[in-house]
């Protein structure tokens, strides 16, 4: 067991995935300390759990908030996680066809919208590529070029058939798989925030591994969010947000190094290789978590110039890009 100093929150280390980077534990809770800095006027309840392959943290002056948020995020994870054998995504990947729930059908429609808007840079059908690079089972490897070329044949969101009459989803080719890692956490946070609002909770921060929503204010002031320096332990910037979502994608989140070269987990669906756009970190601020999450992934793949062009298609979105 380990304890977060000053919070009383305890997390069972057995619940932490074996691949989970130790610096990330530090980052999430350091973020919490920053967000609470200087606020002594209001008692805040906070709780953290391991969900969706990451730490999920909830901070609110309303003691009901954590249970409400965690319950909804767990519900969404049970539908969208490729690691849960009975989830809808796992069954779709296994059988190639499924009668989808409203949640899965919605996120597939939205994923297709971002695929089109990004010119294919955001693509949930990269599941087979993620597998052969070892990011699924964390047995990292650099596949041979011929293996990547063959795998690319089943990549492409246009190869997913969505039947709007009965919500049936079908893959056009055998061997296709979807991976919602670039959009699911943002969507889950949105769903949790909706439940919080329905419960009358007006102030809360939900952080799902860097996919964050700031509901209302904290002591009548915006929530403060720390953006980590992607090449150090210091902070790049402090954001002040109210009723906004923020998401960050970077090459420092999950990666492996082979022959002194870094291979990040965000793959370019067109080449089959880890994205190499010259970007090390993308932070997106948007009205909702799904948009922030998907755009952060797409912009990381596209690079600065094309990424900013994409962002301009979404009114109100703000982007911060750190290049190599």
Protein backbone atom coordinates (compact mmCIF):
# COMPACT_ATOMS: atom_id res chain seq x y z
CA UNK A 1 0.00 0.00 0.00
CA UNK A 2 1.01 3.61 -0.44
CA UNK A 3 -0.58 6.75 0.95
CA UNK A 4 -0.95 10.16 -0.61
CA UNK A 5 0.34 12.52 2.03
CA UNK A 6 -2.21 14.84 3.51
CA UNK A 7 -5.27 13.32 1.80
CA UNK A 8 -5.94 10.12 3.67
CA UNK A 9 -6.49 8.49 0.28
CA UNK A 10 -5.03 5.04 0.05
CA UNK A 11 -4.50 3.03 -3.12
CA UNK A 12 -3.75 -0.65 -3.26
CA UNK A 13 -0.54 -1.08 -5.26
CA UNK A 14 -1.87 -4.44 -6.46
CA UNK A 15 -4.51 -2.54 -8.44
CA UNK A 16 -1.89 -0.57 -10.35
CA UNK A 17 -1.10 -2.09 -13.76
CA UNK A 18 2.41 -3.54 -13.89
CA UNK A 19 3.24 -1.38 -16.90
CA UNK A 20 2.16 1.83 -15.16
CA UNK A 21 5.02 4.38 -15.21
CA UNK A 22 6.06 5.45 -11.74
CA UNK A 23 6.53 9.08 -12.77
CA UNK A 24 2.89 9.17 -13.83
CA UNK A 25 1.77 8.46 -10.28
CA UNK A 26 3.83 11.45 -9.18
CA UNK A 27 2.44 13.61 -11.98
CA UNK A 28 -1.24 13.02 -11.26
CA UNK A 29 -0.94 13.75 -7.58
CA UNK A 30 1.42 16.64 -8.10
CA UNK A 31 -1.26 18.06 -10.37
CA UNK A 32 -3.71 17.69 -7.49
CA UNK A 33 -1.47 19.63 -5.14
CA UNK A 34 -1.15 22.42 -7.68
CA UNK A 35 -4.88 22.57 -8.32
CA UNK A 36 -5.55 22.91 -4.61
CA UNK A 37 -2.79 25.39 -3.89
CA UNK A 38 -3.98 28.46 -2.08
CA UNK A 39 -7.55 27.26 -1.51
CA UNK A 40 -8.18 27.05 2.19
CA UNK A 41 -11.67 28.57 2.22
CA UNK A 42 -13.52 25.47 1.11
CA UNK A 43 -13.21 21.89 2.28
CA UNK A 44 -12.67 19.60 -0.68
CA UNK A 45 -13.30 15.87 -0.81
CA UNK A 46 -11.07 13.91 -3.14
CA UNK A 47 -10.68 10.28 -4.05
CA UNK A 48 -8.63 8.31 -6.57
CA UNK A 49 -9.12 4.91 -8.14
CA UNK A 50 -7.51 2.86 -10.90
CA UNK A 51 -9.95 2.75 -13.81
CA UNK A 52 -9.68 2.61 -17.61
CA UNK A 53 -6.02 1.66 -17.29
CA UNK A 54 -5.10 4.82 -15.42
CA UNK A 55 -5.69 6.77 -12.22
CA UNK A 56 -9.02 8.58 -12.05
CA UNK A 57 -9.23 11.40 -9.52
CA UNK A 58 -12.31 13.31 -8.37
CA UNK A 59 -12.14 16.54 -6.35
CA UNK A 60 -15.25 18.37 -5.13
CA UNK A 61 -16.73 20.21 -2.14
CA UNK A 62 -19.68 17.79 -2.43
CA UNK A 63 -18.91 14.45 -0.81
CA UNK A 64 -21.28 12.66 -3.23
CA UNK A 65 -19.24 13.55 -6.29
CA UNK A 66 -16.66 10.75 -6.22
CA UNK A 67 -19.16 7.89 -5.97
CA UNK A 68 -21.31 9.37 -8.74
CA UNK A 69 -18.37 9.93 -11.08
CA UNK A 70 -16.69 6.58 -10.43
CA UNK A 71 -19.94 4.65 -10.96
CA UNK A 72 -20.53 6.27 -14.35
CA UNK A 73 -16.93 5.90 -15.52
CA UNK A 74 -17.03 2.23 -14.51
CA UNK A 75 -20.23 1.76 -16.52
CA UNK A 76 -18.63 3.29 -19.61
CA UNK A 77 -15.43 1.26 -19.14
CA UNK A 78 -17.48 -1.94 -19.06
CA UNK A 79 -18.77 -1.05 -22.53
CA UNK A 80 -15.70 0.42 -24.23
CA UNK A 81 -12.64 -1.36 -22.77
CA UNK A 82 -10.89 -3.78 -25.11
CA UNK A 83 -9.31 -5.42 -22.06
CA UNK A 84 -12.63 -6.57 -20.56
CA UNK A 85 -13.65 -9.84 -22.18
CA UNK A 86 -17.39 -9.18 -21.94
CA UNK A 87 -17.32 -5.56 -23.07
CA UNK A 88 -19.04 -4.58 -26.30
CA UNK A 89 -15.74 -3.53 -27.84
CA UNK A 90 -14.15 -6.90 -27.03
CA UNK A 91 -17.10 -8.74 -28.54
CA UNK A 92 -17.00 -6.56 -31.65
CA UNK A 93 -13.27 -7.20 -32.04
CA UNK A 94 -13.82 -10.93 -31.60
CA UNK A 95 -16.86 -11.49 -33.80
CA UNK A 96 -16.67 -8.56 -36.23
CA UNK A 97 -20.31 -7.61 -35.73
CA UNK A 98 -22.47 -6.49 -32.83
CA UNK A 99 -25.76 -4.83 -31.99
CA UNK A 100 -24.34 -1.80 -30.21
CA UNK A 101 -25.59 0.07 -27.18
CA UNK A 102 -26.40 3.78 -27.64
CA UNK A 103 -23.07 4.66 -25.97
CA UNK A 104 -20.92 2.54 -28.28
CA UNK A 105 -22.84 3.57 -31.40
CA UNK A 106 -22.49 7.23 -30.45
CA UNK A 107 -18.75 7.06 -29.86
CA UNK A 108 -18.28 5.20 -33.15
CA UNK A 109 -20.20 7.93 -34.99
CA UNK A 110 -18.10 10.60 -33.29
CA UNK A 111 -14.89 8.71 -34.04
CA UNK A 112 -15.87 8.61 -37.70
CA UNK A 113 -16.48 12.37 -37.62
CA UNK A 114 -12.97 13.01 -36.28
CA UNK A 115 -11.53 10.53 -38.79
CA UNK A 116 -13.06 12.50 -41.64
CA UNK A 117 -12.14 15.92 -40.20
CA UNK A 118 -8.51 14.86 -39.63
CA UNK A 119 -8.04 13.22 -43.01
CA UNK A 120 -7.58 9.86 -41.32
CA UNK A 121 -5.06 10.96 -38.69
CA UNK A 122 -7.51 9.96 -35.96
CA UNK A 123 -8.48 6.34 -36.54
CA UNK A 124 -9.89 3.89 -34.01
CA UNK A 125 -9.15 0.90 -36.28
CA UNK A 126 -5.45 1.04 -35.33
CA UNK A 127 -6.05 -1.83 -32.90
CA UNK A 128 -4.08 -4.40 -34.96
CA UNK A 129 -1.16 -1.97 -35.28
CA UNK A 130 -1.13 -1.38 -31.54
CA UNK A 131 -1.04 -5.16 -31.09
CA UNK A 132 1.97 -5.81 -33.35
CA UNK A 133 3.96 -2.99 -31.74
CA UNK A 134 3.35 -4.60 -28.33
CA UNK A 135 1.46 -1.69 -26.79
CA UNK A 136 -1.53 -3.91 -25.98
CA UNK A 137 0.29 -6.55 -23.94
CA UNK A 138 3.28 -4.27 -23.10
CA UNK A 139 5.69 -6.70 -24.78
CA UNK A 140 7.19 -3.93 -26.87
CA UNK A 141 8.78 -4.75 -30.21
CA UNK A 142 9.54 -3.13 -33.54
CA UNK A 143 7.71 -5.18 -36.18
CA UNK A 144 9.14 -5.93 -39.60
CA UNK A 145 8.13 -3.69 -42.48
CA UNK A 146 6.24 -6.49 -44.24
CA UNK A 147 4.21 -7.13 -41.08
CA UNK A 148 3.23 -3.47 -40.88
CA UNK A 149 2.36 -3.43 -44.59
CA UNK A 150 0.04 -6.42 -44.20
CA UNK A 151 -1.59 -4.97 -41.09
CA UNK A 152 -2.31 -1.67 -42.85
CA UNK A 153 -4.71 -3.55 -45.14
CA UNK A 154 -7.27 -3.75 -42.31
CA UNK A 155 -6.80 -0.18 -41.09
CA UNK A 156 -9.34 2.53 -41.92
CA UNK A 157 -12.46 3.80 -40.19
CA UNK A 158 -14.27 3.69 -43.55
CA UNK A 159 -14.13 -0.10 -43.22
CA UNK A 160 -16.63 0.02 -40.33
CA UNK A 161 -20.29 -0.24 -41.35
CA UNK A 162 -22.74 1.60 -39.07
CA UNK A 163 -26.40 0.67 -39.53
CA UNK A 164 -28.43 3.59 -38.21
CA UNK A 165 -31.71 1.67 -38.37
CA UNK A 166 -30.83 -0.92 -35.75
CA UNK A 167 -27.44 0.19 -34.30
CA UNK A 168 -25.67 -2.84 -35.77
CA UNK A 169 -21.93 -2.34 -36.25
CA UNK A 170 -19.99 -4.55 -38.65
CA UNK A 171 -16.38 -4.80 -39.81
CA UNK A 172 -15.88 -5.09 -43.57
CA UNK A 173 -12.70 -7.19 -43.28
CA UNK A 174 -11.59 -10.05 -41.01
CA UNK A 175 -8.80 -9.17 -38.63
CA UNK A 176 -10.07 -5.65 -37.94
CA UNK A 177 -10.05 -4.34 -34.36
CA UNK A 178 -10.91 -1.03 -32.78
CA UNK A 179 -9.05 0.68 -29.97
CA UNK A 180 -10.79 3.62 -28.32
CA UNK A 181 -7.77 4.73 -26.29
CA UNK A 182 -7.72 8.10 -28.04
CA UNK A 183 -11.30 9.04 -27.21
CA UNK A 184 -12.84 6.80 -24.53
CA UNK A 185 -11.48 8.51 -21.42
CA UNK A 186 -12.64 11.91 -22.61
CA UNK A 187 -16.10 10.50 -23.31
CA UNK A 188 -16.23 8.74 -19.94
CA UNK A 189 -15.38 12.00 -18.17
CA UNK A 190 -18.17 13.74 -20.11
CA UNK A 191 -20.64 11.08 -18.99
CA UNK A 192 -19.51 11.46 -15.39
CA UNK A 193 -19.91 15.25 -15.54
CA UNK A 194 -23.42 14.84 -16.93
CA UNK A 195 -24.35 12.66 -13.95
CA UNK A 196 -22.80 15.18 -11.56
CA UNK A 197 -24.88 17.98 -13.05
CA UNK A 198 -28.04 15.87 -12.83
CA UNK A 199 -27.29 15.40 -9.11
CA UNK A 200 -27.08 19.17 -8.64
CA UNK A 201 -23.31 19.22 -8.11
CA UNK A 202 -21.91 22.51 -9.37
CA UNK A 203 -18.24 22.26 -8.48
CA UNK A 204 -16.03 19.29 -9.31
CA UNK A 205 -12.83 18.32 -11.08
CA UNK A 206 -12.58 14.92 -12.78
CA UNK A 207 -9.17 13.75 -13.99
CA UNK A 208 -8.91 10.47 -15.91
CA UNK A 209 -5.20 10.11 -16.54
CA UNK A 210 -4.81 13.63 -17.89
CA UNK A 211 -8.25 13.84 -19.52
CA UNK A 212 -9.76 16.49 -17.27
CA UNK A 213 -13.03 18.37 -16.89
CA UNK A 214 -13.38 21.39 -14.62
CA UNK A 215 -16.99 21.75 -13.55
CA UNK A 216 -17.88 25.18 -12.19
CA UNK A 217 -15.39 26.94 -9.98
CA UNK A 218 -13.37 26.35 -6.84
CA UNK A 219 -13.96 29.05 -4.20
CA UNK A 220 -15.52 31.17 -6.99
CA UNK A 221 -12.23 31.03 -8.91
CA UNK A 222 -11.29 28.91 -11.94
CA UNK A 223 -9.71 25.53 -11.33
CA UNK A 224 -5.93 25.51 -11.81
CA UNK A 225 -4.49 22.79 -14.02
CA UNK A 226 -0.78 22.06 -14.31
CA UNK A 227 0.64 21.15 -17.72
CA UNK A 228 3.75 19.04 -17.28
CA UNK A 229 6.99 19.71 -19.12
CA UNK A 230 7.24 16.70 -21.48
CA UNK A 231 11.01 16.54 -21.07
CA UNK A 232 11.33 17.26 -17.38
CA UNK A 233 9.68 17.15 -13.97
CA UNK A 234 8.85 20.83 -13.87
CA UNK A 235 5.66 22.50 -15.11
CA UNK A 236 5.18 23.98 -18.54
CA UNK A 237 2.15 26.11 -17.70
CA UNK A 238 -0.76 26.61 -15.31
CA UNK A 239 -4.22 26.74 -16.92
CA UNK A 240 -7.24 28.35 -15.25
CA UNK A 241 -10.47 26.70 -16.39
CA UNK A 242 -14.20 26.82 -15.68
CA UNK A 243 -16.69 24.45 -17.33
CA UNK A 244 -14.04 23.30 -19.77
CA UNK A 245 -12.25 20.08 -20.67
CA UNK A 246 -8.52 19.73 -21.25
CA UNK A 247 -6.58 16.79 -22.65
CA UNK A 248 -2.89 16.22 -23.30
CA UNK A 249 -1.24 13.71 -25.63
CA UNK A 250 2.52 13.25 -25.70
CA UNK A 251 5.34 10.93 -26.58
CA UNK A 252 6.24 10.64 -22.90
CA UNK A 253 3.02 8.88 -21.80
CA UNK A 254 3.66 5.36 -23.10
CA UNK A 255 6.72 4.52 -25.14
CA UNK A 256 9.71 2.24 -25.45
CA UNK A 257 13.28 2.92 -26.54
CA UNK A 258 15.18 0.68 -28.94
CA UNK A 259 18.65 1.49 -30.23
CA UNK A 260 18.41 4.90 -28.56
CA UNK A 261 15.23 5.77 -30.49
CA UNK A 262 11.93 6.57 -28.77
CA UNK A 263 8.78 4.84 -30.06
CA UNK A 264 5.62 6.45 -28.63
CA UNK A 265 2.30 4.60 -28.43
CA UNK A 266 0.41 7.05 -30.65
CA UNK A 267 0.59 5.49 -34.11
CA UNK A 268 0.15 7.10 -37.51
CA UNK A 269 -2.68 5.11 -39.18
CA UNK A 270 -1.28 5.85 -42.65
CA UNK A 271 2.28 4.66 -42.11
CA UNK A 272 1.76 2.07 -39.39
CA UNK A 273 4.65 3.55 -37.40
CA UNK A 274 4.62 5.72 -34.27
CA UNK A 275 3.74 9.30 -35.13
CA UNK A 276 6.78 11.31 -36.14
CA UNK A 277 5.40 14.81 -36.70
CA UNK A 278 7.96 16.71 -34.66
CA UNK A 279 5.51 17.17 -31.78
CA UNK A 280 6.23 15.93 -28.26
CA UNK A 281 3.11 17.24 -26.54
CA UNK A 282 -0.33 18.56 -27.49
CA UNK A 283 -2.75 20.12 -25.01
CA UNK A 284 -6.30 20.83 -26.17
CA UNK A 285 -8.92 22.87 -24.32
CA UNK A 286 -12.50 22.31 -25.45
CA UNK A 287 -16.09 22.44 -24.24
CA UNK A 288 -16.19 18.65 -23.79
CA UNK A 289 -13.75 15.88 -23.01
CA UNK A 290 -14.45 13.76 -26.08
CA UNK A 291 -13.45 16.60 -28.41
CA UNK A 292 -10.36 17.49 -26.38
CA UNK A 293 -9.24 13.84 -26.22
CA UNK A 294 -9.73 13.07 -29.92
CA UNK A 295 -8.17 16.31 -31.15
CA UNK A 296 -5.11 15.90 -28.92
CA UNK A 297 -4.46 12.51 -30.52
CA UNK A 298 -5.11 13.70 -34.08
CA UNK A 299 -2.95 16.82 -33.75
CA UNK A 300 -0.10 14.79 -32.32
CA UNK A 301 -0.19 12.66 -35.49
CA UNK A 302 -0.64 15.57 -37.90
CA UNK A 303 1.99 17.92 -36.50
CA UNK A 304 1.78 21.61 -35.76
CA UNK A 305 0.66 23.19 -39.03
CA UNK A 306 -1.93 20.63 -40.12
CA UNK A 307 -2.96 20.18 -36.49
CA UNK A 308 -3.79 23.85 -36.08
CA UNK A 309 -5.76 23.71 -39.35
CA UNK A 310 -7.79 20.86 -37.87
CA UNK A 311 -8.38 22.71 -34.61
CA UNK A 312 -9.82 25.69 -36.49
CA UNK A 313 -12.66 23.45 -37.68
CA UNK A 314 -13.89 23.28 -34.06
CA UNK A 315 -15.03 26.68 -32.72
CA UNK A 316 -13.86 27.57 -29.24
CA UNK A 317 -11.04 25.01 -29.18
CA UNK A 318 -7.63 26.15 -27.94
CA UNK A 319 -4.42 24.25 -28.64
CA UNK A 320 -0.96 24.35 -27.10
CA UNK A 321 1.75 22.45 -28.97
CA UNK A 322 5.29 21.68 -27.85
CA UNK A 323 7.65 20.63 -30.63
CA UNK A 324 11.00 18.88 -30.50
